[in-house]
Amino acid sequence: MSFSNDDLSNYNRADSPWFQVSLNGKVDIGSEQGNSSNKIGLSKEGMITLIATWLKEAHISKEDKEKIKELL
């Protein structure tokens, strides 16, 4: 799947960033469609670390936190 422009920050420098979520919970993130050699691969535990850190560090509105809770 690819990211939309709304998904990316002003600091994005990737040509066409993409991600793939596997059934086993692993996630791959790449900077260019069709190029899987330069990618970041996260295990399920790595994704949990990323999400937990983001939830702690980011300024997230109460409405967005409620959306996240509903997804869980």
PDB file of N, CA and C in Angstrom:
ATOM      1  N   MET A   1       0.845  -1.170   0.000  1.00  0.00           N
ATOM      2  CA  MET A   1       0.000   0.000   0.000  1.00  0.00           C
ATOM      3  C   MET A   1       0.888   1.229   0.000  1.00  0.00           C
ATOM      4  N   SER A   2       0.377   2.269  -0.562  1.00  0.00           N
ATOM      5  CA  SER A   2       1.141   3.513  -0.559  1.00  0.00           C
ATOM      6  C   SER A   2       0.501   4.502   0.409  1.00  0.00           C
ATOM      7  N   PHE A   3       1.285   5.464   0.823  1.00  0.00           N
ATOM      8  CA  PHE A   3       0.807   6.527   1.692  1.00  0.00           C
ATOM      9  C   PHE A   3       0.204   7.632   0.836  1.00  0.00           C
ATOM     10  N   SER A   4      -0.808   8.313   1.362  1.00  0.00           N
ATOM     11  CA  SER A   4      -1.324   9.502   0.682  1.00  0.00           C
ATOM     12  C   SER A   4      -0.505  10.701   1.142  1.00  0.00           C
ATOM     13  N   ASN A   5      -0.634  11.814   0.471  1.00  0.00           N
ATOM     14  CA  ASN A   5       0.098  13.018   0.870  1.00  0.00           C
ATOM     15  C   ASN A   5      -0.253  13.462   2.276  1.00  0.00           C
ATOM     16  N   ASP A   6      -1.499  13.219   2.709  1.00  0.00           N
ATOM     17  CA  ASP A   6      -1.908  13.589   4.064  1.00  0.00           C
ATOM     18  C   ASP A   6      -1.211  12.748   5.128  1.00  0.00           C
ATOM     19  N   ASP A   7      -0.744  11.559   4.745  1.00  0.00           N
ATOM     20  CA  ASP A   7      -0.066  10.663   5.689  1.00  0.00           C
ATOM     21  C   ASP A   7       1.368  11.091   5.973  1.00  0.00           C
ATOM     22  N   LEU A   8       1.937  11.905   5.112  1.00  0.00           N
ATOM     23  CA  LEU A   8       3.357  12.221   5.175  1.00  0.00           C
ATOM     24  C   LEU A   8       3.600  13.594   5.777  1.00  0.00           C
ATOM     25  N   SER A   9       4.722  13.721   6.455  1.00  0.00           N
ATOM     26  CA  SER A   9       5.061  15.019   7.044  1.00  0.00           C
ATOM     27  C   SER A   9       5.713  15.911   5.989  1.00  0.00           C
ATOM     28  N   ASN A  10       5.903  17.167   6.351  1.00  0.00           N
ATOM     29  CA  ASN A  10       6.567  18.116   5.458  1.00  0.00           C
ATOM     30  C   ASN A  10       8.018  17.719   5.203  1.00  0.00           C
ATOM     31  N   TYR A  11       8.565  16.865   6.050  1.00  0.00           N
ATOM     32  CA  TYR A  11       9.967  16.482   5.956  1.00  0.00           C
ATOM     33  C   TYR A  11      10.186  15.212   5.141  1.00  0.00           C
ATOM     34  N   ASN A  12       9.129  14.651   4.567  1.00  0.00           N
ATOM     35  CA  ASN A  12       9.260  13.445   3.760  1.00  0.00           C
ATOM     36  C   ASN A  12      10.126  13.730   2.539  1.00  0.00           C
ATOM     37  N   ARG A  13      11.096  12.869   2.293  1.00  0.00           N
ATOM     38  CA  ARG A  13      11.961  12.987   1.120  1.00  0.00           C
ATOM     39  C   ARG A  13      11.926  11.719   0.266  1.00  0.00           C
ATOM     40  N   ALA A  14      11.087  10.765   0.633  1.00  0.00           N
ATOM     41  CA  ALA A  14      10.971   9.528  -0.137  1.00  0.00           C
ATOM     42  C   ALA A  14      10.189   9.794  -1.417  1.00  0.00           C
ATOM     43  N   ASP A  15      10.589   9.132  -2.493  1.00  0.00           N
ATOM     44  CA  ASP A  15       9.930   9.340  -3.783  1.00  0.00           C
ATOM     45  C   ASP A  15       8.484   8.850  -3.780  1.00  0.00           C
ATOM     46  N   SER A  16       8.266   7.638  -3.347  1.00  0.00           N
ATOM     47  CA  SER A  16       6.907   7.073  -3.310  1.00  0.00           C
ATOM     48  C   SER A  16       6.837   6.035  -2.189  1.00  0.00           C
ATOM     49  N   PRO A  17       6.759   6.513  -0.932  1.00  0.00           N
ATOM     50  CA  PRO A  17       6.805   5.613   0.213  1.00  0.00           C
ATOM     51  C   PRO A  17       5.646   4.620   0.219  1.00  0.00           C
ATOM     52  N   TRP A  18       5.951   3.417   0.718  1.00  0.00           N
ATOM     53  CA  TRP A  18       4.956   2.346   0.747  1.00  0.00           C
ATOM     54  C   TRP A  18       5.116   1.552   2.041  1.00  0.00           C
ATOM     55  N   PHE A  19       4.093   0.759   2.334  1.00  0.00           N
ATOM     56  CA  PHE A  19       4.167  -0.159   3.471  1.00  0.00           C
ATOM     57  C   PHE A  19       3.375  -1.408   3.149  1.00  0.00           C
ATOM     58  N   GLN A  20       3.723  -2.479   3.834  1.00  0.00           N
ATOM     59  CA  GLN A  20       3.017  -3.749   3.687  1.00  0.00           C
ATOM     60  C   GLN A  20       2.878  -4.364   5.066  1.00  0.00           C
ATOM     61  N   VAL A  21       1.677  -4.790   5.400  1.00  0.00           N
ATOM     62  CA  VAL A  21       1.407  -5.437   6.674  1.00  0.00           C
ATOM     63  C   VAL A  21       1.102  -6.908   6.396  1.00  0.00           C
ATOM     64  N   SER A  22       1.855  -7.795   7.029  1.00  0.00           N
ATOM     65  CA  SER A  22       1.655  -9.232   6.855  1.00  0.00           C
ATOM     66  C   SER A  22       0.710  -9.775   7.916  1.00  0.00           C
ATOM     67  N   LEU A  23       0.121 -10.922   7.633  1.00  0.00           N
ATOM     68  CA  LEU A  23      -0.791 -11.553   8.584  1.00  0.00           C
ATOM     69  C   LEU A  23      -0.113 -11.894   9.904  1.00  0.00           C
ATOM     70  N   ASN A  24       1.186 -12.139   9.873  1.00  0.00           N
ATOM     71  CA  ASN A  24       1.905 -12.492  11.103  1.00  0.00           C
ATOM     72  C   ASN A  24       2.301 -11.269  11.933  1.00  0.00           C
ATOM     73  N   GLY A  25       1.883 -10.083  11.509  1.00  0.00           N
ATOM     74  CA  GLY A  25       2.142  -8.862  12.265  1.00  0.00           C
ATOM     75  C   GLY A  25       3.386  -8.115  11.861  1.00  0.00           C
ATOM     76  N   LYS A  26       4.167  -8.656  10.934  1.00  0.00           N
ATOM     77  CA  LYS A  26       5.366  -7.961  10.484  1.00  0.00           C
ATOM     78  C   LYS A  26       4.985  -6.857   9.503  1.00  0.00           C
ATOM     79  N   VAL A  27       5.764  -5.781   9.518  1.00  0.00           N
ATOM     80  CA  VAL A  27       5.493  -4.622   8.675  1.00  0.00           C
ATOM     81  C   VAL A  27       6.764  -4.246   7.930  1.00  0.00           C
ATOM     82  N   ASP A  28       6.647  -4.025   6.633  1.00  0.00           N
ATOM     83  CA  ASP A  28       7.743  -3.514   5.822  1.00  0.00           C
ATOM     84  C   ASP A  28       7.397  -2.095   5.392  1.00  0.00           C
ATOM     85  N   ILE A  29       8.400  -1.209   5.427  1.00  0.00           N
ATOM     86  CA  ILE A  29       8.236   0.181   5.021  1.00  0.00           C
ATOM     87  C   ILE A  29       9.361   0.510   4.056  1.00  0.00           C
ATOM     88  N   GLY A  30       9.024   1.070   2.908  1.00  0.00           N
ATOM     89  CA  GLY A  30      10.038   1.410   1.911  1.00  0.00           C
ATOM     90  C   GLY A  30       9.874   2.830   1.403  1.00  0.00           C
ATOM     91  N   SER A  31      10.901   3.300   0.730  1.00  0.00           N
ATOM     92  CA  SER A  31      10.896   4.687   0.273  1.00  0.00           C
ATOM     93  C   SER A  31      10.477   4.851  -1.181  1.00  0.00           C
ATOM     94  N   GLU A  32      10.437   3.744  -1.926  1.00  0.00           N
ATOM     95  CA  GLU A  32      10.111   3.865  -3.347  1.00  0.00           C
ATOM     96  C   GLU A  32       9.347   2.625  -3.809  1.00  0.00           C
ATOM     97  N   GLN A  33       8.203   2.826  -4.455  1.00  0.00           N
ATOM     98  CA  GLN A  33       7.414   1.722  -4.995  1.00  0.00           C
ATOM     99  C   GLN A  33       8.275   0.892  -5.940  1.00  0.00           C
ATOM    100  N   GLY A  34       8.174  -0.409  -5.836  1.00  0.00           N
ATOM    101  CA  GLY A  34       8.904  -1.300  -6.711  1.00  0.00           C
ATOM    102  C   GLY A  34      10.332  -1.578  -6.268  1.00  0.00           C
ATOM    103  N   ASN A  35      10.783  -0.925  -5.203  1.00  0.00           N
ATOM    104  CA  ASN A  35      12.133  -1.144  -4.689  1.00  0.00           C
ATOM    105  C   ASN A  35      12.023  -1.706  -3.284  1.00  0.00           C
ATOM    106  N   SER A  36      12.180  -3.012  -3.161  1.00  0.00           N
ATOM    107  CA  SER A  36      12.069  -3.626  -1.842  1.00  0.00           C
ATOM    108  C   SER A  36      13.434  -3.921  -1.222  1.00  0.00           C
ATOM    109  N   SER A  37      14.520  -3.534  -1.909  1.00  0.00           N
ATOM    110  CA  SER A  37      15.844  -3.816  -1.358  1.00  0.00           C
ATOM    111  C   SER A  37      16.216  -2.833  -0.247  1.00  0.00           C
ATOM    112  N   ASN A  38      15.732  -1.613  -0.312  1.00  0.00           N
ATOM    113  CA  ASN A  38      15.990  -0.614   0.729  1.00  0.00           C
ATOM    114  C   ASN A  38      14.714  -0.390   1.516  1.00  0.00           C
ATOM    115  N   LYS A  39      14.488  -1.260   2.468  1.00  0.00           N
ATOM    116  CA  LYS A  39      13.266  -1.153   3.254  1.00  0.00           C
ATOM    117  C   LYS A  39      13.582  -1.359   4.727  1.00  0.00           C
ATOM    118  N   ILE A  40      12.658  -0.954   5.550  1.00  0.00           N
ATOM    119  CA  ILE A  40      12.724  -1.206   6.982  1.00  0.00           C
ATOM    120  C   ILE A  40      11.728  -2.323   7.255  1.00  0.00           C
ATOM    121  N   GLY A  41      12.166  -3.363   7.912  1.00  0.00           N
ATOM    122  CA  GLY A  41      11.288  -4.467   8.277  1.00  0.00           C
ATOM    123  C   GLY A  41      11.141  -4.519   9.785  1.00  0.00           C
ATOM    124  N   LEU A  42       9.919  -4.432  10.262  1.00  0.00           N
ATOM    125  CA  LEU A  42       9.655  -4.468  11.703  1.00  0.00           C
ATOM    126  C   LEU A  42       8.916  -5.751  12.064  1.00  0.00           C
ATOM    127  N   SER A  43       9.337  -6.365  13.167  1.00  0.00           N
ATOM    128  CA  SER A  43       8.598  -7.500  13.710  1.00  0.00           C
ATOM    129  C   SER A  43       7.358  -6.959  14.416  1.00  0.00           C
ATOM    130  N   LYS A  44       6.513  -7.861  14.868  1.00  0.00           N
ATOM    131  CA  LYS A  44       5.335  -7.439  15.630  1.00  0.00           C
ATOM    132  C   LYS A  44       5.771  -6.643  16.860  1.00  0.00           C
ATOM    133  N   GLU A  45       6.815  -7.110  17.526  1.00  0.00           N
ATOM    134  CA  GLU A  45       7.322  -6.415  18.713  1.00  0.00           C
ATOM    135  C   GLU A  45       7.877  -5.039  18.337  1.00  0.00           C
ATOM    136  N   GLY A  46       8.517  -4.947  17.173  1.00  0.00           N
ATOM    137  CA  GLY A  46       9.026  -3.661  16.706  1.00  0.00           C
ATOM    138  C   GLY A  46       7.907  -2.669  16.439  1.00  0.00           C
ATOM    139  N   MET A  47       6.806  -3.164  15.881  1.00  0.00           N
ATOM    140  CA  MET A  47       5.649  -2.289  15.641  1.00  0.00           C
ATOM    141  C   MET A  47       5.052  -1.810  16.954  1.00  0.00           C
ATOM    142  N   ILE A  48       4.989  -2.697  17.940  1.00  0.00           N
ATOM    143  CA  ILE A  48       4.464  -2.311  19.254  1.00  0.00           C
ATOM    144  C   ILE A  48       5.356  -1.241  19.871  1.00  0.00           C
ATOM    145  N   THR A  49       6.675  -1.403  19.751  1.00  0.00           N
ATOM    146  CA  THR A  49       7.618  -0.398  20.258  1.00  0.00           C
ATOM    147  C   THR A  49       7.398   0.939  19.561  1.00  0.00           C
ATOM    148  N   LEU A  50       7.266   0.909  18.238  1.00  0.00           N
ATOM    149  CA  LEU A  50       7.048   2.133  17.468  1.00  0.00           C
ATOM    150  C   LEU A  50       5.755   2.819  17.895  1.00  0.00           C
ATOM    151  N   ILE A  51       4.667   2.071  17.968  1.00  0.00           N
ATOM    152  CA  ILE A  51       3.371   2.648  18.333  1.00  0.00           C
ATOM    153  C   ILE A  51       3.390   3.167  19.765  1.00  0.00           C
ATOM    154  N   ALA A  52       3.953   2.395  20.685  1.00  0.00           N
ATOM    155  CA  ALA A  52       3.994   2.820  22.087  1.00  0.00           C
ATOM    156  C   ALA A  52       4.792   4.109  22.242  1.00  0.00           C
ATOM    157  N   THR A  53       5.916   4.199  21.576  1.00  0.00           N
ATOM    158  CA  THR A  53       6.733   5.415  21.651  1.00  0.00           C
ATOM    159  C   THR A  53       5.996   6.592  21.045  1.00  0.00           C
ATOM    160  N   TRP A  54       5.351   6.377  19.904  1.00  0.00           N
ATOM    161  CA  TRP A  54       4.594   7.439  19.253  1.00  0.00           C
ATOM    162  C   TRP A  54       3.470   7.935  20.161  1.00  0.00           C
ATOM    163  N   LEU A  55       2.753   7.011  20.810  1.00  0.00           N
ATOM    164  CA  LEU A  55       1.661   7.411  21.693  1.00  0.00           C
ATOM    165  C   LEU A  55       2.160   8.218  22.888  1.00  0.00           C
ATOM    166  N   LYS A  56       3.352   7.877  23.388  1.00  0.00           N
ATOM    167  CA  LYS A  56       3.920   8.598  24.530  1.00  0.00           C
ATOM    168  C   LYS A  56       4.465   9.962  24.126  1.00  0.00           C
ATOM    169  N   GLU A  57       5.108  10.039  22.967  1.00  0.00           N
ATOM    170  CA  GLU A  57       5.849  11.237  22.581  1.00  0.00           C
ATOM    171  C   GLU A  57       5.030  12.269  21.809  1.00  0.00           C
ATOM    172  N   ALA A  58       4.053  11.818  21.047  1.00  0.00           N
ATOM    173  CA  ALA A  58       3.300  12.729  20.179  1.00  0.00           C
ATOM    174  C   ALA A  58       2.189  13.424  20.955  1.00  0.00           C
ATOM    175  N   HIS A  59       1.836  14.589  20.486  1.00  0.00           N
ATOM    176  CA  HIS A  59       0.702  15.316  21.058  1.00  0.00           C
ATOM    177  C   HIS A  59      -0.536  14.891  20.267  1.00  0.00           C
ATOM    178  N   ILE A  60      -1.303  13.986  20.849  1.00  0.00           N
ATOM    179  CA  ILE A  60      -2.451  13.399  20.166  1.00  0.00           C
ATOM    180  C   ILE A  60      -3.719  13.886  20.859  1.00  0.00           C
ATOM    181  N   SER A  61      -4.680  14.315  20.064  1.00  0.00           N
ATOM    182  CA  SER A  61      -5.930  14.836  20.630  1.00  0.00           C
ATOM    183  C   SER A  61      -6.723  13.711  21.299  1.00  0.00           C
ATOM    184  N   LYS A  62      -7.625  14.101  22.170  1.00  0.00           N
ATOM    185  CA  LYS A  62      -8.486  13.111  22.830  1.00  0.00           C
ATOM    186  C   LYS A  62      -9.340  12.366  21.820  1.00  0.00           C
ATOM    187  N   GLU A  63      -9.791  13.076  20.776  1.00  0.00           N
ATOM    188  CA  GLU A  63     -10.608  12.422  19.742  1.00  0.00           C
ATOM    189  C   GLU A  63      -9.808  11.341  19.025  1.00  0.00           C
ATOM    190  N   ASP A  64      -8.566  11.647  18.685  1.00  0.00           N
ATOM    191  CA  ASP A  64      -7.728  10.658  18.010  1.00  0.00           C
ATOM    192  C   ASP A  64      -7.407   9.482  18.925  1.00  0.00           C
ATOM    193  N   LYS A  65      -7.188   9.756  20.213  1.00  0.00           N
ATOM    194  CA  LYS A  65      -6.961   8.661  21.163  1.00  0.00           C
ATOM    195  C   LYS A  65      -8.182   7.754  21.242  1.00  0.00           C
ATOM    196  N   GLU A  66      -9.369   8.335  21.203  1.00  0.00           N
ATOM    197  CA  GLU A  66     -10.596   7.533  21.226  1.00  0.00           C
ATOM    198  C   GLU A  66     -10.715   6.676  19.967  1.00  0.00           C
ATOM    199  N   LYS A  67     -10.339   7.227  18.813  1.00  0.00           N
ATOM    200  CA  LYS A  67     -10.353   6.455  17.571  1.00  0.00           C
ATOM    201  C   LYS A  67      -9.432   5.246  17.690  1.00  0.00           C
ATOM    202  N   ILE A  68      -8.243   5.479  18.263  1.00  0.00           N
ATOM    203  CA  ILE A  68      -7.284   4.394  18.431  1.00  0.00           C
ATOM    204  C   ILE A  68      -7.841   3.339  19.377  1.00  0.00           C
ATOM    205  N   LYS A  69      -8.451   3.743  20.461  1.00  0.00           N
ATOM    206  CA  LYS A  69      -9.037   2.794  21.415  1.00  0.00           C
ATOM    207  C   LYS A  69     -10.123   1.953  20.751  1.00  0.00           C
ATOM    208  N   GLU A  70     -10.931   2.566  19.905  1.00  0.00           N
ATOM    209  CA  GLU A  70     -11.982   1.831  19.200  1.00  0.00           C
ATOM    210  C   GLU A  70     -11.396   0.761  18.282  1.00  0.00           C
ATOM    211  N   LEU A  71     -10.282   1.058  17.653  1.00  0.00           N
ATOM    212  CA  LEU A  71      -9.624   0.089  16.791  1.00  0.00           C
ATOM    213  C   LEU A  71      -9.091  -1.108  17.565  1.00  0.00           C
ATOM    214  N   LEU A  72      -8.675  -0.854  18.793  1.00  0.00           N
ATOM    215  CA  LEU A  72      -8.140  -1.943  19.613  1.00  0.00           C
ATOM    216  C   LEU A  72      -9.284  -2.803  20.127  1.00  0.00           C
TER     217      LEU A  72
END
